[in-house]
């Protein structure tokens, strides 16, 4: 799906028609929603992080510590 979204952005940036690609992406999303519903019916579930939990997360890159030469 991410590749398809990238293709759509590329087509738009080049001022080309992206209707067919967009319809394909919408079909993929419908299929994903169908699979999620099926999983939920079978007893699966997933809790997403709320805004407070996401803001608490550390998304900064790891900091490199420069060592001293002996």
C-alpha atoms as a PDB file:
ATOM      1  CA  UNK A   1       0.000   0.000   0.000  1.00  0.00           C
ATOM      2  CA  UNK A   2       2.837   2.378   0.781  1.00  0.00           C
ATOM      3  CA  UNK A   3       4.352   1.757  -2.654  1.00  0.00           C
ATOM      4  CA  UNK A   4       1.012   2.486  -4.286  1.00  0.00           C
ATOM      5  CA  UNK A   5       0.618   5.698  -2.284  1.00  0.00           C
ATOM      6  CA  UNK A   6       4.103   6.711  -3.392  1.00  0.00           C
ATOM      7  CA  UNK A   7       3.199   5.965  -7.006  1.00  0.00           C
ATOM      8  CA  UNK A   8       0.114   8.159  -6.710  1.00  0.00           C
ATOM      9  CA  UNK A   9       2.175  11.017  -5.261  1.00  0.00           C
ATOM     10  CA  UNK A  10       4.682  10.629  -8.088  1.00  0.00           C
ATOM     11  CA  UNK A  11       1.919  10.717 -10.714  1.00  0.00           C
ATOM     12  CA  UNK A  12       0.369  13.810  -9.138  1.00  0.00           C
ATOM     13  CA  UNK A  13       3.754  15.552  -8.955  1.00  0.00           C
ATOM     14  CA  UNK A  14       4.242  14.877 -12.671  1.00  0.00           C
ATOM     15  CA  UNK A  15       0.685  16.127 -13.380  1.00  0.00           C
ATOM     16  CA  UNK A  16      -0.434  12.711 -14.673  1.00  0.00           C
ATOM     17  CA  UNK A  17      -3.712  10.815 -14.265  1.00  0.00           C
ATOM     18  CA  UNK A  18      -3.744   8.693 -11.099  1.00  0.00           C
ATOM     19  CA  UNK A  19      -7.381   7.540 -11.191  1.00  0.00           C
ATOM     20  CA  UNK A  20      -6.653   3.877 -11.943  1.00  0.00           C
ATOM     21  CA  UNK A  21      -3.928   3.644  -9.306  1.00  0.00           C
ATOM     22  CA  UNK A  22      -6.166   5.390  -6.756  1.00  0.00           C
ATOM     23  CA  UNK A  23      -8.986   2.928  -7.411  1.00  0.00           C
ATOM     24  CA  UNK A  24      -6.540   0.076  -6.830  1.00  0.00           C
ATOM     25  CA  UNK A  25      -5.480   1.628  -3.528  1.00  0.00           C
ATOM     26  CA  UNK A  26      -9.097   1.995  -2.428  1.00  0.00           C
ATOM     27  CA  UNK A  27      -9.670  -1.683  -3.262  1.00  0.00           C
ATOM     28  CA  UNK A  28      -6.654  -2.626  -1.113  1.00  0.00           C
ATOM     29  CA  UNK A  29      -8.031  -0.571   1.770  1.00  0.00           C
ATOM     30  CA  UNK A  30     -11.458  -2.225   1.457  1.00  0.00           C
ATOM     31  CA  UNK A  31      -9.781  -5.635   1.560  1.00  0.00           C
ATOM     32  CA  UNK A  32      -7.777  -4.637   4.654  1.00  0.00           C
ATOM     33  CA  UNK A  33     -10.910  -3.433   6.433  1.00  0.00           C
ATOM     34  CA  UNK A  34     -12.602  -6.737   5.546  1.00  0.00           C
ATOM     35  CA  UNK A  35      -9.674  -8.696   7.000  1.00  0.00           C
ATOM     36  CA  UNK A  36      -9.709  -6.582  10.179  1.00  0.00           C
ATOM     37  CA  UNK A  37     -13.446  -7.199  10.615  1.00  0.00           C
ATOM     38  CA  UNK A  38     -12.893 -10.927  10.111  1.00  0.00           C
ATOM     39  CA  UNK A  39     -10.140 -10.905  12.750  1.00  0.00           C
ATOM     40  CA  UNK A  40     -12.406  -9.039  15.174  1.00  0.00           C
ATOM     41  CA  UNK A  41     -15.229 -11.561  14.636  1.00  0.00           C
ATOM     42  CA  UNK A  42     -12.792 -14.357  15.469  1.00  0.00           C
ATOM     43  CA  UNK A  43     -11.961 -12.652  18.783  1.00  0.00           C
ATOM     44  CA  UNK A  44      -8.882 -10.657  17.878  1.00  0.00           C
ATOM     45  CA  UNK A  45      -8.456  -7.048  18.814  1.00  0.00           C
ATOM     46  CA  UNK A  46      -5.844  -4.361  18.871  1.00  0.00           C
ATOM     47  CA  UNK A  47      -5.602  -1.298  21.060  1.00  0.00           C
ATOM     48  CA  UNK A  48      -3.893   1.661  19.443  1.00  0.00           C
ATOM     49  CA  UNK A  49      -1.813   4.110  21.424  1.00  0.00           C
ATOM     50  CA  UNK A  50      -3.697   7.201  22.516  1.00  0.00           C
ATOM     51  CA  UNK A  51      -2.266  10.685  22.048  1.00  0.00           C
ATOM     52  CA  UNK A  52      -0.788  10.877  25.563  1.00  0.00           C
ATOM     53  CA  UNK A  53       1.061   7.564  25.073  1.00  0.00           C
ATOM     54  CA  UNK A  54       2.379   8.652  21.686  1.00  0.00           C
ATOM     55  CA  UNK A  55       3.638  11.963  23.072  1.00  0.00           C
ATOM     56  CA  UNK A  56       5.450  10.138  25.893  1.00  0.00           C
ATOM     57  CA  UNK A  57       7.329   7.955  23.436  1.00  0.00           C
ATOM     58  CA  UNK A  58      10.951   8.758  22.688  1.00  0.00           C
ATOM     59  CA  UNK A  59      11.273   9.013  18.927  1.00  0.00           C
ATOM     60  CA  UNK A  60      14.589  10.866  18.892  1.00  0.00           C
ATOM     61  CA  UNK A  61      17.536   9.121  17.270  1.00  0.00           C
ATOM     62  CA  UNK A  62      20.077   7.507  19.560  1.00  0.00           C
ATOM     63  CA  UNK A  63      22.856   9.859  20.551  1.00  0.00           C
ATOM     64  CA  UNK A  64      26.403   8.841  19.807  1.00  0.00           C
ATOM     65  CA  UNK A  65      28.861   9.219  22.642  1.00  0.00           C
ATOM     66  CA  UNK A  66      32.318  10.112  21.444  1.00  0.00           C
ATOM     67  CA  UNK A  67      35.013   8.331  23.413  1.00  0.00           C
ATOM     68  CA  UNK A  68      38.354   9.830  24.389  1.00  0.00           C
ATOM     69  CA  UNK A  69      41.513   8.511  22.786  1.00  0.00           C
ATOM     70  CA  UNK A  70      43.917   6.940  25.229  1.00  0.00           C
END
